[in-house]
């Protein structure tokens, strides 16, 4: 027991005597470790700022720059208005993003952008004897756009149709957009759409 007690005291004295040396700068981390600690501290500070911004929900136009995944589903109804000329009714279901999910919206820092990839897939059910179900070919391609941030909403305008402004309210944090819209026309048709944009890059 005495030998064991002596060993413990000896080890304790080594630890106690080493503490002042480290505190005075003698010994300490290996040479070159200081740079790594500084880099780690900078990364933690940056992460803290990003988390604080995310929690606050604040975002600016620069936060929207990048690539967004696009998904939407819409329903269109066509039929005869009261007193109108009878015609076959039809229901169209339309999805954007395609079965492969490759539809993207790219927003650039200069206010330009591009919608590209697999676009609309349609299924049309038409009244008749019998009723007919059609599925036109998937519409793919790209569309040049301009964009801006207006009162917390993303405004996207196709260059080919500058009068049609698509307005997407952005959720807190600036990384997701959920929208719904609809319209009824005097010609007996109406449509509604639900969509989702998620920033992926």
C-alpha atoms as a PDB file:
ATOM      1  CA  UNK A   1       0.000   0.000   0.000  1.00  0.00           C
ATOM      2  CA  UNK A   2       2.860   2.397   0.811  1.00  0.00           C
ATOM      3  CA  UNK A   3       4.462   1.940  -2.642  1.00  0.00           C
ATOM      4  CA  UNK A   4       1.128   2.573  -4.386  1.00  0.00           C
ATOM      5  CA  UNK A   5       0.523   5.717  -2.320  1.00  0.00           C
ATOM      6  CA  UNK A   6       4.017   7.015  -3.155  1.00  0.00           C
ATOM      7  CA  UNK A   7       3.403   6.519  -6.892  1.00  0.00           C
ATOM      8  CA  UNK A   8       0.178   8.486  -6.747  1.00  0.00           C
ATOM      9  CA  UNK A   9       1.859  11.377  -4.949  1.00  0.00           C
ATOM     10  CA  UNK A  10       4.670  11.370  -7.503  1.00  0.00           C
ATOM     11  CA  UNK A  11       2.284  11.556 -10.472  1.00  0.00           C
ATOM     12  CA  UNK A  12       0.250  14.280  -8.799  1.00  0.00           C
ATOM     13  CA  UNK A  13       3.382  16.385  -8.270  1.00  0.00           C
ATOM     14  CA  UNK A  14       4.224  16.121 -11.987  1.00  0.00           C
ATOM     15  CA  UNK A  15       0.778  17.376 -13.004  1.00  0.00           C
ATOM     16  CA  UNK A  16       0.810  20.236 -10.473  1.00  0.00           C
ATOM     17  CA  UNK A  17       4.278  21.377 -11.485  1.00  0.00           C
ATOM     18  CA  UNK A  18       3.357  21.274 -15.194  1.00  0.00           C
ATOM     19  CA  UNK A  19       0.395  23.654 -14.831  1.00  0.00           C
ATOM     20  CA  UNK A  20       2.417  26.866 -14.223  1.00  0.00           C
ATOM     21  CA  UNK A  21       4.667  26.049 -17.167  1.00  0.00           C
ATOM     22  CA  UNK A  22       1.725  25.760 -19.563  1.00  0.00           C
ATOM     23  CA  UNK A  23       0.100  28.866 -18.131  1.00  0.00           C
ATOM     24  CA  UNK A  24       3.331  30.838 -18.716  1.00  0.00           C
ATOM     25  CA  UNK A  25       3.533  29.722 -22.325  1.00  0.00           C
ATOM     26  CA  UNK A  26       6.095  26.976 -21.760  1.00  0.00           C
ATOM     27  CA  UNK A  27       4.966  23.875 -23.600  1.00  0.00           C
ATOM     28  CA  UNK A  28       1.300  24.227 -24.669  1.00  0.00           C
ATOM     29  CA  UNK A  29      -0.046  23.146 -28.070  1.00  0.00           C
ATOM     30  CA  UNK A  30       2.354  21.789 -30.657  1.00  0.00           C
ATOM     31  CA  UNK A  31       4.067  24.244 -32.990  1.00  0.00           C
ATOM     32  CA  UNK A  32       1.738  25.377 -35.780  1.00  0.00           C
ATOM     33  CA  UNK A  33      -1.448  24.567 -33.853  1.00  0.00           C
ATOM     34  CA  UNK A  34      -2.223  28.256 -33.289  1.00  0.00           C
ATOM     35  CA  UNK A  35      -3.239  28.804 -36.928  1.00  0.00           C
ATOM     36  CA  UNK A  36      -5.618  25.878 -36.782  1.00  0.00           C
ATOM     37  CA  UNK A  37      -7.246  27.225 -33.637  1.00  0.00           C
ATOM     38  CA  UNK A  38      -7.685  30.645 -35.225  1.00  0.00           C
ATOM     39  CA  UNK A  39      -9.255  29.080 -38.312  1.00  0.00           C
ATOM     40  CA  UNK A  40     -11.592  27.014 -36.131  1.00  0.00           C
ATOM     41  CA  UNK A  41     -12.595  30.108 -34.152  1.00  0.00           C
ATOM     42  CA  UNK A  42     -13.350  31.960 -37.394  1.00  0.00           C
ATOM     43  CA  UNK A  43     -15.482  29.079 -38.634  1.00  0.00           C
ATOM     44  CA  UNK A  44     -17.439  28.984 -35.370  1.00  0.00           C
ATOM     45  CA  UNK A  45     -17.998  32.754 -35.542  1.00  0.00           C
ATOM     46  CA  UNK A  46     -19.205  32.479 -39.130  1.00  0.00           C
ATOM     47  CA  UNK A  47     -21.523  29.600 -38.231  1.00  0.00           C
ATOM     48  CA  UNK A  48     -22.944  31.559 -35.293  1.00  0.00           C
ATOM     49  CA  UNK A  49     -23.724  34.483 -37.593  1.00  0.00           C
ATOM     50  CA  UNK A  50     -25.427  32.216 -40.126  1.00  0.00           C
ATOM     51  CA  UNK A  51     -27.504  30.490 -37.446  1.00  0.00           C
ATOM     52  CA  UNK A  52     -28.518  33.846 -35.941  1.00  0.00           C
ATOM     53  CA  UNK A  53     -29.581  35.085 -39.372  1.00  0.00           C
ATOM     54  CA  UNK A  54     -31.521  31.891 -40.058  1.00  0.00           C
ATOM     55  CA  UNK A  55     -33.295  32.097 -36.718  1.00  0.00           C
ATOM     56  CA  UNK A  56     -34.197  35.741 -37.303  1.00  0.00           C
ATOM     57  CA  UNK A  57     -35.746  34.868 -40.669  1.00  0.00           C
ATOM     58  CA  UNK A  58     -34.106  37.875 -42.302  1.00  0.00           C
ATOM     59  CA  UNK A  59     -32.837  37.690 -45.871  1.00  0.00           C
ATOM     60  CA  UNK A  60     -31.760  39.969 -48.706  1.00  0.00           C
ATOM     61  CA  UNK A  61     -31.741  39.701 -52.491  1.00  0.00           C
ATOM     62  CA  UNK A  62     -28.196  38.320 -52.389  1.00  0.00           C
ATOM     63  CA  UNK A  63     -29.450  35.367 -50.322  1.00  0.00           C
ATOM     64  CA  UNK A  64     -31.738  34.345 -53.189  1.00  0.00           C
ATOM     65  CA  UNK A  65     -28.945  34.030 -55.747  1.00  0.00           C
ATOM     66  CA  UNK A  66     -28.418  30.391 -56.677  1.00  0.00           C
ATOM     67  CA  UNK A  67     -30.300  27.372 -57.974  1.00  0.00           C
ATOM     68  CA  UNK A  68     -33.837  26.537 -56.862  1.00  0.00           C
ATOM     69  CA  UNK A  69     -35.699  23.264 -57.348  1.00  0.00           C
ATOM     70  CA  UNK A  70     -39.176  23.821 -58.837  1.00  0.00           C
ATOM     71  CA  UNK A  71     -42.312  21.748 -58.209  1.00  0.00           C
ATOM     72  CA  UNK A  72     -45.958  22.604 -58.852  1.00  0.00           C
ATOM     73  CA  UNK A  73     -49.322  21.009 -59.486  1.00  0.00           C
ATOM     74  CA  UNK A  74     -52.289  22.634 -61.181  1.00  0.00           C
ATOM     75  CA  UNK A  75     -55.873  21.791 -62.085  1.00  0.00           C
ATOM     76  CA  UNK A  76     -57.785  23.337 -64.972  1.00  0.00           C
ATOM     77  CA  UNK A  77     -61.533  23.013 -65.568  1.00  0.00           C
ATOM     78  CA  UNK A  78     -63.311  23.752 -68.858  1.00  0.00           C
ATOM     79  CA  UNK A  79     -67.029  23.592 -69.497  1.00  0.00           C
ATOM     80  CA  UNK A  80     -70.174  25.412 -70.584  1.00  0.00           C
ATOM     81  CA  UNK A  81     -71.276  28.586 -68.854  1.00  0.00           C
ATOM     82  CA  UNK A  82     -74.976  29.068 -68.125  1.00  0.00           C
ATOM     83  CA  UNK A  83     -76.639  30.143 -71.359  1.00  0.00           C
ATOM     84  CA  UNK A  84     -73.519  29.415 -73.374  1.00  0.00           C
ATOM     85  CA  UNK A  85     -72.952  27.138 -76.317  1.00  0.00           C
ATOM     86  CA  UNK A  86     -72.730  23.531 -75.097  1.00  0.00           C
ATOM     87  CA  UNK A  87     -69.299  21.962 -75.342  1.00  0.00           C
ATOM     88  CA  UNK A  88     -67.530  18.955 -73.890  1.00  0.00           C
ATOM     89  CA  UNK A  89     -66.201  19.468 -70.406  1.00  0.00           C
ATOM     90  CA  UNK A  90     -62.585  18.689 -69.620  1.00  0.00           C
ATOM     91  CA  UNK A  91     -60.322  18.443 -66.614  1.00  0.00           C
ATOM     92  CA  UNK A  92     -56.578  18.899 -66.896  1.00  0.00           C
ATOM     93  CA  UNK A  93     -54.033  17.938 -64.242  1.00  0.00           C
ATOM     94  CA  UNK A  94     -50.627  19.516 -64.770  1.00  0.00           C
ATOM     95  CA  UNK A  95     -47.401  19.005 -62.856  1.00  0.00           C
ATOM     96  CA  UNK A  96     -44.175  20.971 -63.230  1.00  0.00           C
ATOM     97  CA  UNK A  97     -40.858  19.442 -62.330  1.00  0.00           C
ATOM     98  CA  UNK A  98     -41.482  16.272 -64.253  1.00  0.00           C
ATOM     99  CA  UNK A  99     -41.159  12.704 -63.109  1.00  0.00           C
ATOM    100  CA  UNK A 100     -37.368  13.101 -62.896  1.00  0.00           C
ATOM    101  CA  UNK A 101     -37.615  16.298 -60.853  1.00  0.00           C
ATOM    102  CA  UNK A 102     -35.082  18.158 -62.974  1.00  0.00           C
ATOM    103  CA  UNK A 103     -36.856  21.521 -63.250  1.00  0.00           C
ATOM    104  CA  UNK A 104     -34.773  24.335 -61.781  1.00  0.00           C
ATOM    105  CA  UNK A 105     -34.890  28.104 -61.522  1.00  0.00           C
ATOM    106  CA  UNK A 106     -31.473  29.781 -61.505  1.00  0.00           C
ATOM    107  CA  UNK A 107     -31.242  33.314 -60.122  1.00  0.00           C
ATOM    108  CA  UNK A 108     -28.080  35.317 -60.895  1.00  0.00           C
ATOM    109  CA  UNK A 109     -26.683  38.267 -58.974  1.00  0.00           C
ATOM    110  CA  UNK A 110     -27.245  40.639 -61.917  1.00  0.00           C
ATOM    111  CA  UNK A 111     -31.027  40.147 -61.815  1.00  0.00           C
ATOM    112  CA  UNK A 112     -31.200  37.699 -64.710  1.00  0.00           C
ATOM    113  CA  UNK A 113     -32.078  34.033 -64.493  1.00  0.00           C
ATOM    114  CA  UNK A 114     -33.101  30.865 -66.270  1.00  0.00           C
ATOM    115  CA  UNK A 115     -35.841  28.307 -65.895  1.00  0.00           C
ATOM    116  CA  UNK A 116     -34.613  25.027 -67.329  1.00  0.00           C
ATOM    117  CA  UNK A 117     -35.189  21.305 -67.360  1.00  0.00           C
ATOM    118  CA  UNK A 118     -38.170  19.039 -67.554  1.00  0.00           C
ATOM    119  CA  UNK A 119     -41.295  21.173 -67.506  1.00  0.00           C
ATOM    120  CA  UNK A 120     -45.000  20.450 -67.563  1.00  0.00           C
ATOM    121  CA  UNK A 121     -46.555  16.998 -67.605  1.00  0.00           C
ATOM    122  CA  UNK A 122     -50.271  17.067 -68.453  1.00  0.00           C
ATOM    123  CA  UNK A 123     -53.176  14.647 -68.159  1.00  0.00           C
ATOM    124  CA  UNK A 124     -56.438  15.742 -69.793  1.00  0.00           C
ATOM    125  CA  UNK A 125     -59.789  14.029 -69.172  1.00  0.00           C
ATOM    126  CA  UNK A 126     -62.410  15.036 -71.773  1.00  0.00           C
ATOM    127  CA  UNK A 127     -66.156  14.407 -71.558  1.00  0.00           C
ATOM    128  CA  UNK A 128     -67.555  12.079 -74.193  1.00  0.00           C
ATOM    129  CA  UNK A 129     -68.847   8.610 -74.943  1.00  0.00           C
ATOM    130  CA  UNK A 130     -66.608   7.251 -73.661  1.00  0.00           C
ATOM    131  CA  UNK A 131     -64.601   9.852 -71.735  1.00  0.00           C
ATOM    132  CA  UNK A 132     -61.085  10.199 -73.136  1.00  0.00           C
ATOM    133  CA  UNK A 133     -57.814  10.535 -71.233  1.00  0.00           C
ATOM    134  CA  UNK A 134     -54.889  12.142 -73.067  1.00  0.00           C
ATOM    135  CA  UNK A 135     -51.337  12.684 -71.931  1.00  0.00           C
ATOM    136  CA  UNK A 136     -49.443  15.082 -74.201  1.00  0.00           C
ATOM    137  CA  UNK A 137     -45.679  14.887 -74.433  1.00  0.00           C
ATOM    138  CA  UNK A 138     -43.694  16.434 -71.593  1.00  0.00           C
ATOM    139  CA  UNK A 139     -42.769  20.031 -72.331  1.00  0.00           C
ATOM    140  CA  UNK A 140     -39.083  20.670 -71.733  1.00  0.00           C
ATOM    141  CA  UNK A 141     -36.687  23.485 -72.490  1.00  0.00           C
ATOM    142  CA  UNK A 142     -35.473  26.726 -70.949  1.00  0.00           C
ATOM    143  CA  UNK A 143     -36.849  30.224 -70.473  1.00  0.00           C
ATOM    144  CA  UNK A 144     -34.786  33.352 -69.805  1.00  0.00           C
ATOM    145  CA  UNK A 145     -36.140  35.463 -66.937  1.00  0.00           C
ATOM    146  CA  UNK A 146     -35.427  38.553 -64.900  1.00  0.00           C
ATOM    147  CA  UNK A 147     -36.040  38.711 -61.174  1.00  0.00           C
ATOM    148  CA  UNK A 148     -36.146  41.060 -58.211  1.00  0.00           C
ATOM    149  CA  UNK A 149     -37.044  41.102 -54.513  1.00  0.00           C
ATOM    150  CA  UNK A 150     -40.030  43.359 -53.820  1.00  0.00           C
ATOM    151  CA  UNK A 151     -41.476  43.716 -50.306  1.00  0.00           C
ATOM    152  CA  UNK A 152     -40.323  40.259 -49.280  1.00  0.00           C
ATOM    153  CA  UNK A 153     -41.623  38.562 -52.427  1.00  0.00           C
ATOM    154  CA  UNK A 154     -39.702  37.130 -55.369  1.00  0.00           C
ATOM    155  CA  UNK A 155     -40.843  38.637 -58.669  1.00  0.00           C
ATOM    156  CA  UNK A 156     -39.982  36.603 -61.778  1.00  0.00           C
ATOM    157  CA  UNK A 157     -40.670  37.832 -65.313  1.00  0.00           C
ATOM    158  CA  UNK A 158     -40.145  35.841 -68.502  1.00  0.00           C
ATOM    159  CA  UNK A 159     -38.130  37.862 -71.009  1.00  0.00           C
ATOM    160  CA  UNK A 160     -40.474  36.659 -73.754  1.00  0.00           C
ATOM    161  CA  UNK A 161     -43.552  37.891 -71.841  1.00  0.00           C
ATOM    162  CA  UNK A 162     -42.614  40.966 -69.759  1.00  0.00           C
ATOM    163  CA  UNK A 163     -46.250  41.764 -68.913  1.00  0.00           C
ATOM    164  CA  UNK A 164     -46.685  38.539 -66.926  1.00  0.00           C
ATOM    165  CA  UNK A 165     -45.170  38.975 -63.450  1.00  0.00           C
ATOM    166  CA  UNK A 166     -44.986  35.858 -61.265  1.00  0.00           C
ATOM    167  CA  UNK A 167     -44.961  36.802 -57.586  1.00  0.00           C
ATOM    168  CA  UNK A 168     -43.741  34.292 -55.010  1.00  0.00           C
ATOM    169  CA  UNK A 169     -43.928  35.080 -51.260  1.00  0.00           C
ATOM    170  CA  UNK A 170     -40.738  33.885 -49.592  1.00  0.00           C
ATOM    171  CA  UNK A 171     -40.788  32.090 -46.247  1.00  0.00           C
ATOM    172  CA  UNK A 172     -38.541  33.307 -43.377  1.00  0.00           C
ATOM    173  CA  UNK A 173     -34.914  32.423 -43.996  1.00  0.00           C
ATOM    174  CA  UNK A 174     -35.120  32.966 -47.750  1.00  0.00           C
ATOM    175  CA  UNK A 175     -34.707  29.325 -48.775  1.00  0.00           C
ATOM    176  CA  UNK A 176     -38.253  28.195 -49.521  1.00  0.00           C
ATOM    177  CA  UNK A 177     -41.255  29.537 -51.421  1.00  0.00           C
ATOM    178  CA  UNK A 178     -44.778  28.135 -51.209  1.00  0.00           C
ATOM    179  CA  UNK A 179     -47.486  29.722 -53.320  1.00  0.00           C
ATOM    180  CA  UNK A 180     -50.999  29.164 -54.594  1.00  0.00           C
ATOM    181  CA  UNK A 181     -52.899  30.991 -57.286  1.00  0.00           C
ATOM    182  CA  UNK A 182     -55.985  30.667 -59.426  1.00  0.00           C
ATOM    183  CA  UNK A 183     -58.108  32.367 -62.050  1.00  0.00           C
ATOM    184  CA  UNK A 184     -61.580  32.125 -63.540  1.00  0.00           C
ATOM    185  CA  UNK A 185     -62.107  33.220 -67.141  1.00  0.00           C
ATOM    186  CA  UNK A 186     -65.319  34.378 -68.767  1.00  0.00           C
ATOM    187  CA  UNK A 187     -64.997  31.718 -71.465  1.00  0.00           C
ATOM    188  CA  UNK A 188     -65.907  28.910 -69.055  1.00  0.00           C
ATOM    189  CA  UNK A 189     -62.458  27.876 -67.936  1.00  0.00           C
ATOM    190  CA  UNK A 190     -60.761  28.176 -64.581  1.00  0.00           C
ATOM    191  CA  UNK A 191     -57.551  26.963 -63.048  1.00  0.00           C
ATOM    192  CA  UNK A 192     -55.676  26.794 -59.752  1.00  0.00           C
ATOM    193  CA  UNK A 193     -52.067  25.993 -58.929  1.00  0.00           C
ATOM    194  CA  UNK A 194     -49.990  25.096 -55.888  1.00  0.00           C
ATOM    195  CA  UNK A 195     -46.234  25.320 -56.092  1.00  0.00           C
ATOM    196  CA  UNK A 196     -42.980  24.960 -54.193  1.00  0.00           C
ATOM    197  CA  UNK A 197     -39.506  26.408 -54.713  1.00  0.00           C
ATOM    198  CA  UNK A 198     -36.609  25.178 -52.585  1.00  0.00           C
ATOM    199  CA  UNK A 199     -33.074  26.530 -52.769  1.00  0.00           C
ATOM    200  CA  UNK A 200     -30.715  23.645 -53.502  1.00  0.00           C
ATOM    201  CA  UNK A 201     -27.441  25.474 -54.290  1.00  0.00           C
END
